[in-house]
Amino acid sequence: MAGLFNFDTLNKTERYTLGKTERLKSRKLIDEVFKQGKAFSIFPFRVVYLLKTIDTLPTANSQLQAGFTVSTKYFKKAVNRNRIKRLMREAYRLQKNELMQVVQKNNLQLAVFFIYTGNDLPAYNLIVEKTAGVLKRLIKISDEATKANT
C-alpha cells in the first residue's frame, strides 16, 4: 500500500485530519443539505452540498463538514460498504486542505455529502483521482459564490 500515495509531496506543517467536528453527523443539517442543497455528479460520486455564509448556518461546529455513504442496493455486504467509505474518507482527508483554505478565506460554511454510485469495488487510485476532481469543482463553486455575493 505504500506505493499508492506519495507521502513526500505532503506538507509537513499541514494537518491531515478528519475529526469529529469535520464530519457531517447532525440529522438536522443532513436533512437541510438534501432539501436545500445543490448536487452534481462525477462518476462514481454524486455530491450534494450546501454552501452558506458563516453567520446563517449556526448548527455546524466546523466551516467544512463532510459525510459519506454507499448504497446497499449494489453492496449487500457491510464489509464492502465500509471499505468504500473508508477509502473515500481517506482520500478526502488527504486532499481537503485547499478547499478548507478557500472556505475559511471567503468566510463560508460548506456541508458536503459524498454518495458512491458505482456498482463495483473501486481501487484506491480511482477514489483519490475522482475525489480530487470533486474538490476542485467545490473550490470553483465556492469562489463563484463569493464573487456573486460581492
C-alpha atoms as a PDB file:
ATOM      1  CA  MET A   1       0.000   0.000   0.000  1.00  0.00           C
ATOM      2  CA  ALA A   2       2.969   2.334   0.425  1.00  0.00           C
ATOM      3  CA  GLY A   3       3.251   2.890  -3.327  1.00  0.00           C
ATOM      4  CA  LEU A   4      -0.283   4.230  -3.758  1.00  0.00           C
ATOM      5  CA  PHE A   5       0.225   7.691  -2.279  1.00  0.00           C
ATOM      6  CA  ASN A   6       3.338   9.810  -2.492  1.00  0.00           C
ATOM      7  CA  PHE A   7       3.983  10.911   1.085  1.00  0.00           C
ATOM      8  CA  ASP A   8       6.947  13.055   0.015  1.00  0.00           C
ATOM      9  CA  THR A   9       4.542  15.603  -1.504  1.00  0.00           C
ATOM     10  CA  LEU A  10       2.726  16.145   1.793  1.00  0.00           C
ATOM     11  CA  ASN A  11       3.490  19.418   3.508  1.00  0.00           C
ATOM     12  CA  LYS A  12       4.691  18.538   7.000  1.00  0.00           C
ATOM     13  CA  THR A  13       3.224  21.717   8.550  1.00  0.00           C
ATOM     14  CA  GLU A  14      -0.347  20.977   7.463  1.00  0.00           C
ATOM     15  CA  ARG A  15      -2.604  18.715   9.498  1.00  0.00           C
ATOM     16  CA  TYR A  16      -4.306  15.944   7.568  1.00  0.00           C
ATOM     17  CA  THR A  17      -7.100  15.094   9.962  1.00  0.00           C
ATOM     18  CA  LEU A  18     -10.790  14.352   9.752  1.00  0.00           C
ATOM     19  CA  GLY A  19     -12.018  14.956  13.273  1.00  0.00           C
ATOM     20  CA  LYS A  20     -15.415  14.686  14.852  1.00  0.00           C
ATOM     21  CA  THR A  21     -16.338  18.316  14.145  1.00  0.00           C
ATOM     22  CA  GLU A  22     -15.445  17.920  10.461  1.00  0.00           C
ATOM     23  CA  ARG A  23     -17.881  15.033   9.922  1.00  0.00           C
ATOM     24  CA  LEU A  24     -21.437  15.680   8.854  1.00  0.00           C
ATOM     25  CA  LYS A  25     -23.370  13.939  11.629  1.00  0.00           C
ATOM     26  CA  SER A  26     -26.206  16.287  12.591  1.00  0.00           C
ATOM     27  CA  ARG A  27     -29.521  14.862  11.328  1.00  0.00           C
ATOM     28  CA  LYS A  28     -30.904  18.398  11.087  1.00  0.00           C
ATOM     29  CA  LEU A  29     -28.007  19.586   8.934  1.00  0.00           C
ATOM     30  CA  ILE A  30     -28.061  16.458   6.747  1.00  0.00           C
ATOM     31  CA  ASP A  31     -31.786  16.989   6.090  1.00  0.00           C
ATOM     32  CA  GLU A  32     -31.082  20.618   5.228  1.00  0.00           C
ATOM     33  CA  VAL A  33     -28.315  19.608   2.811  1.00  0.00           C
ATOM     34  CA  PHE A  34     -30.634  17.236   0.950  1.00  0.00           C
ATOM     35  CA  LYS A  35     -33.621  19.627   0.931  1.00  0.00           C
ATOM     36  CA  GLN A  36     -31.917  22.938   0.114  1.00  0.00           C
ATOM     37  CA  GLY A  37     -28.556  21.864  -1.240  1.00  0.00           C
ATOM     38  CA  LYS A  38     -27.354  21.550  -4.809  1.00  0.00           C
ATOM     39  CA  ALA A  39     -25.842  18.488  -6.429  1.00  0.00           C
ATOM     40  CA  PHE A  40     -23.507  17.382  -9.187  1.00  0.00           C
ATOM     41  CA  SER A  41     -22.055  14.079 -10.319  1.00  0.00           C
ATOM     42  CA  ILE A  42     -18.531  12.995 -11.129  1.00  0.00           C
ATOM     43  CA  PHE A  43     -18.715   9.249 -11.615  1.00  0.00           C
ATOM     44  CA  PRO A  44     -18.618   7.277  -9.314  1.00  0.00           C
ATOM     45  CA  PHE A  45     -19.716  10.049  -6.928  1.00  0.00           C
ATOM     46  CA  ARG A  46     -22.866  12.063  -6.552  1.00  0.00           C
ATOM     47  CA  VAL A  47     -22.083  15.094  -4.431  1.00  0.00           C
ATOM     48  CA  VAL A  48     -24.748  17.067  -2.581  1.00  0.00           C
ATOM     49  CA  TYR A  49     -23.575  20.294  -0.974  1.00  0.00           C
ATOM     50  CA  LEU A  50     -24.912  23.289   0.904  1.00  0.00           C
ATOM     51  CA  LEU A  51     -22.893  26.488   0.800  1.00  0.00           C
ATOM     52  CA  LYS A  52     -23.817  29.391   3.069  1.00  0.00           C
ATOM     53  CA  THR A  53     -22.231  32.408   4.640  1.00  0.00           C
ATOM     54  CA  ILE A  54     -20.853  31.701   8.077  1.00  0.00           C
ATOM     55  CA  ASP A  55     -23.496  33.598  10.066  1.00  0.00           C
ATOM     56  CA  THR A  56     -26.533  31.805   8.569  1.00  0.00           C
ATOM     57  CA  LEU A  57     -25.629  28.212   9.495  1.00  0.00           C
ATOM     58  CA  PRO A  58     -25.145  28.163  13.282  1.00  0.00           C
ATOM     59  CA  THR A  59     -25.851  24.434  13.798  1.00  0.00           C
ATOM     60  CA  ALA A  60     -22.468  23.292  12.499  1.00  0.00           C
ATOM     61  CA  ASN A  61     -19.275  23.262  14.571  1.00  0.00           C
ATOM     62  CA  SER A  62     -16.863  23.485  11.663  1.00  0.00           C
ATOM     63  CA  GLN A  63     -16.732  25.546   8.475  1.00  0.00           C
ATOM     64  CA  LEU A  64     -16.270  22.429   6.342  1.00  0.00           C
ATOM     65  CA  GLN A  65     -18.155  19.227   7.089  1.00  0.00           C
ATOM     66  CA  ALA A  66     -18.396  16.060   5.022  1.00  0.00           C
ATOM     67  CA  GLY A  67     -20.466  12.892   5.075  1.00  0.00           C
ATOM     68  CA  PHE A  68     -20.013   9.665   3.127  1.00  0.00           C
ATOM     69  CA  THR A  69     -22.419   6.920   2.111  1.00  0.00           C
ATOM     70  CA  VAL A  70     -22.596   3.830  -0.086  1.00  0.00           C
ATOM     71  CA  SER A  71     -25.809   2.249  -1.351  1.00  0.00           C
ATOM     72  CA  THR A  72     -26.928  -1.135  -0.087  1.00  0.00           C
ATOM     73  CA  LYS A  73     -28.506  -1.748  -3.490  1.00  0.00           C
ATOM     74  CA  TYR A  74     -25.165  -2.632  -5.102  1.00  0.00           C
ATOM     75  CA  PHE A  75     -23.201  -3.594  -1.992  1.00  0.00           C
ATOM     76  CA  LYS A  76     -25.171  -6.018   0.143  1.00  0.00           C
ATOM     77  CA  LYS A  77     -22.276  -6.802   2.471  1.00  0.00           C
ATOM     78  CA  ALA A  78     -21.399  -4.223   5.106  1.00  0.00           C
ATOM     79  CA  VAL A  79     -17.724  -5.169   4.741  1.00  0.00           C
ATOM     80  CA  ASN A  80     -17.690  -3.815   1.183  1.00  0.00           C
ATOM     81  CA  ARG A  81     -19.691  -0.676   2.042  1.00  0.00           C
ATOM     82  CA  ASN A  82     -17.395   0.105   4.964  1.00  0.00           C
ATOM     83  CA  ARG A  83     -14.277  -0.406   2.833  1.00  0.00           C
ATOM     84  CA  ILE A  84     -15.511   2.049   0.201  1.00  0.00           C
ATOM     85  CA  LYS A  85     -16.432   4.622   2.853  1.00  0.00           C
ATOM     86  CA  ARG A  86     -13.005   4.187   4.452  1.00  0.00           C
ATOM     87  CA  LEU A  87     -11.306   4.788   1.083  1.00  0.00           C
ATOM     88  CA  MET A  88     -13.487   7.851   0.444  1.00  0.00           C
ATOM     89  CA  ARG A  89     -12.744   9.349   3.865  1.00  0.00           C
ATOM     90  CA  GLU A  90      -9.007   8.750   3.462  1.00  0.00           C
ATOM     91  CA  ALA A  91      -8.864  10.346   0.011  1.00  0.00           C
ATOM     92  CA  TYR A  92     -10.890  13.323   1.262  1.00  0.00           C
ATOM     93  CA  ARG A  93      -8.788  13.699   4.417  1.00  0.00           C
ATOM     94  CA  LEU A  94      -5.544  13.931   2.450  1.00  0.00           C
ATOM     95  CA  GLN A  95      -6.841  16.409  -0.143  1.00  0.00           C
ATOM     96  CA  LYS A  96      -9.288  18.708   1.668  1.00  0.00           C
ATOM     97  CA  ASN A  97      -6.823  21.350   2.897  1.00  0.00           C
ATOM     98  CA  GLU A  98      -7.041  23.536  -0.214  1.00  0.00           C
ATOM     99  CA  LEU A  99     -10.842  23.538  -0.041  1.00  0.00           C
ATOM    100  CA  MET A 100     -10.673  24.336   3.689  1.00  0.00           C
ATOM    101  CA  GLN A 101      -8.451  27.347   2.998  1.00  0.00           C
ATOM    102  CA  VAL A 102     -10.830  28.688   0.331  1.00  0.00           C
ATOM    103  CA  VAL A 103     -13.861  28.255   2.589  1.00  0.00           C
ATOM    104  CA  GLN A 104     -12.141  29.987   5.514  1.00  0.00           C
ATOM    105  CA  LYS A 105     -10.778  32.807   3.350  1.00  0.00           C
ATOM    106  CA  ASN A 106     -14.208  33.519   1.858  1.00  0.00           C
ATOM    107  CA  ASN A 107     -15.958  33.264   5.254  1.00  0.00           C
ATOM    108  CA  LEU A 108     -18.255  30.466   4.074  1.00  0.00           C
ATOM    109  CA  GLN A 109     -19.643  27.306   5.570  1.00  0.00           C
ATOM    110  CA  LEU A 110     -19.798  24.193   3.408  1.00  0.00           C
ATOM    111  CA  ALA A 111     -21.577  20.927   4.143  1.00  0.00           C
ATOM    112  CA  VAL A 112     -20.807  18.186   1.599  1.00  0.00           C
ATOM    113  CA  PHE A 113     -22.251  14.692   1.259  1.00  0.00           C
ATOM    114  CA  PHE A 114     -20.449  12.154  -0.935  1.00  0.00           C
ATOM    115  CA  ILE A 115     -22.611   9.333  -2.303  1.00  0.00           C
ATOM    116  CA  TYR A 116     -20.820   6.450  -4.013  1.00  0.00           C
ATOM    117  CA  THR A 117     -22.948   5.462  -7.036  1.00  0.00           C
ATOM    118  CA  GLY A 118     -20.694   2.898  -8.709  1.00  0.00           C
ATOM    119  CA  ASN A 119     -21.610  -0.776  -8.636  1.00  0.00           C
ATOM    120  CA  ASP A 120     -18.193  -2.418  -8.269  1.00  0.00           C
ATOM    121  CA  LEU A 121     -15.435  -2.200  -5.660  1.00  0.00           C
ATOM    122  CA  PRO A 122     -13.122   0.671  -6.642  1.00  0.00           C
ATOM    123  CA  ALA A 123      -9.352   0.844  -6.464  1.00  0.00           C
ATOM    124  CA  TYR A 124      -7.838   3.419  -4.119  1.00  0.00           C
ATOM    125  CA  ASN A 125      -6.224   5.288  -7.042  1.00  0.00           C
ATOM    126  CA  LEU A 126      -9.621   5.801  -8.701  1.00  0.00           C
ATOM    127  CA  ILE A 127     -11.133   7.161  -5.483  1.00  0.00           C
ATOM    128  CA  VAL A 128      -8.200   9.576  -4.992  1.00  0.00           C
ATOM    129  CA  GLU A 129      -8.412  10.811  -8.588  1.00  0.00           C
ATOM    130  CA  LYS A 130     -12.185  11.348  -8.536  1.00  0.00           C
ATOM    131  CA  THR A 131     -12.121  12.961  -5.083  1.00  0.00           C
ATOM    132  CA  ALA A 132      -9.550  15.447  -6.390  1.00  0.00           C
ATOM    133  CA  GLY A 133     -11.930  16.312  -9.239  1.00  0.00           C
ATOM    134  CA  VAL A 134     -14.827  16.790  -6.814  1.00  0.00           C
ATOM    135  CA  LEU A 135     -12.767  19.035  -4.541  1.00  0.00           C
ATOM    136  CA  LYS A 136     -11.587  21.167  -7.466  1.00  0.00           C
ATOM    137  CA  ARG A 137     -15.194  21.653  -8.521  1.00  0.00           C
ATOM    138  CA  LEU A 138     -16.202  22.596  -4.961  1.00  0.00           C
ATOM    139  CA  ILE A 139     -13.358  25.139  -4.829  1.00  0.00           C
ATOM    140  CA  LYS A 140     -14.593  26.652  -8.083  1.00  0.00           C
ATOM    141  CA  ILE A 141     -18.178  26.784  -6.761  1.00  0.00           C
ATOM    142  CA  SER A 142     -17.010  28.438  -3.525  1.00  0.00           C
ATOM    143  CA  ASP A 143     -15.058  31.088  -5.425  1.00  0.00           C
ATOM    144  CA  GLU A 144     -18.011  31.792  -7.724  1.00  0.00           C
ATOM    145  CA  ALA A 145     -20.371  32.111  -4.759  1.00  0.00           C
ATOM    146  CA  THR A 146     -18.052  34.632  -3.122  1.00  0.00           C
ATOM    147  CA  LYS A 147     -17.800  36.691  -6.309  1.00  0.00           C
ATOM    148  CA  ALA A 148     -21.594  36.641  -6.725  1.00  0.00           C
ATOM    149  CA  ASN A 149     -22.116  37.945  -3.183  1.00  0.00           C
ATOM    150  CA  THR A 150     -19.710  40.880  -3.526  1.00  0.00           C
END
